[in-house]
Amino acid sequence: MTHVNLIGLHRVRKKLADGTVVQYHYAWRGGPQFWNSTSAVVVGTEDYLKGFIEASKPSLRSRAAIPVSGKSTSSVIDRFRKSIHYKSKAPRTKRDYDKYLDEFEKSFGEDPIKLFEEKEAVSEIREWKEKWAHSPKQYDYATSVITRLLNWSQGEGASILTHHHKNIQRVYKSNRSDIIWLPEELMALLNVAVEREQRVVIAASEGGLTPQDIGILTREHVQKTPKGRRLYFRRTKTSTPTSIPVTPALGELIDTTPADQKYLVVSLEGRQLTPERASGIVRSLKKRANAAAEKEGKHTVENGRSKIHVRDELRLYDMRGTAATELLRAGCSLNEIAVTMGWGLRHAANIIEKYAALVPEVADEVLSKLTAARKKAAKK
């Protein structure tokens, strides 16, 4: 078999429903198929070359007939970014979209958008997404962004008649609603934290702030209420209006912010705190807290294995659950919790239902109320 290196030749491998893997050869990416591995023609033979040449003839005319303006994938991406479907999104969402749109344009920008009308294009996109195979969450986000781009191209974009990148199965599955920080775990972090690290923990655990929101708050977000103060802002990710009561701990955080410091919570270097840096600070605190616990022998034994004080699976974002649980235990209504956390009522109901079962003290409170009721009934 002769090795053939033909200019423009594009190869695609596709796994069929029965598990068989078939390879397809195209005159160019998005061009006509002239060979597949089920064919009797051998790669590199005269018949193979003839097939490529014949398929390539119309490719030159087809490419010449497609002006770059308005027809290339790059131009469609540019038009999508100018549409209300992109412009109406929150700044954070736009940045997330841009990450994948930029990468998609690098790979497919010069190709005609009509390429994605072909079923084989799904395999092309799947191959492109493999760069995020290490992160199922990013892999799925890439799937969502490109699906929305193609949906717009088929609809208002009027660039393609159809596409097959629909109902793509997601690979990332996560439900962290049953993971909350216990008070002693938070205290373990605070015990090893410096002042700026402590402020990150307090903002997240007391205010239920997300990693994206901790670093955006300034004194301008602090408002007076009839009986105290609140933090009022729009969430970075969703633009949802959020009102958080200023607890004593949050009040001290606000009041001790240096006068020349713009943001209430900053990085260790004094700059604006990014979501990545905020999460990194908590990861660092966990390691230091666990190291301190091991050194002092402060651990419990479970199933014959030593368990460090702070659980490995806990993340900064899970502190929102801790804040929501505190509101629940304080007797706040569902609407009050939803507004404070920046959640919709239905989402808040689902989350709170799970949190309620996780708080050990709830069982004690129920027992206490049940005992009191029985005593009262016995006296009658």
Foldseek 3Di string as FASTA:
>chain_A
DDDDDDPQKDKFWDQDPVRDIKIWIALHQLFDTQDMPVDPDDPPDPSNVVSSVVRVVVVVVVLVVDDLALFFPQNLLVVVCVDCVQVVFFPVVNVLLCVLSVLCCVVGRRPTPQSQQDQSVLRVQVVSLVVCVVPLVNSVSSLVSVVVSVVCCCPVVVRYVDGDSPPDDRDDDDDCLLDADDPVQLVLLVVPDDPLLNLLSCCCQQQVAALAPQLPAFCVQWAADPVGIWGWFAHRRHRQTAITGQDPSNVVLRVPQDPPQGHSHDAPVSHRRHSVRSQVSVVVSSVVSQVVCVVVVPFDADPNDTDGDHDPPDTSSSSSSNNLLVCVVVVHDLVVSCRSNVHDSVVSVVSVVSSCVNDPVNVVVVVVVVVVVVVVVVVD
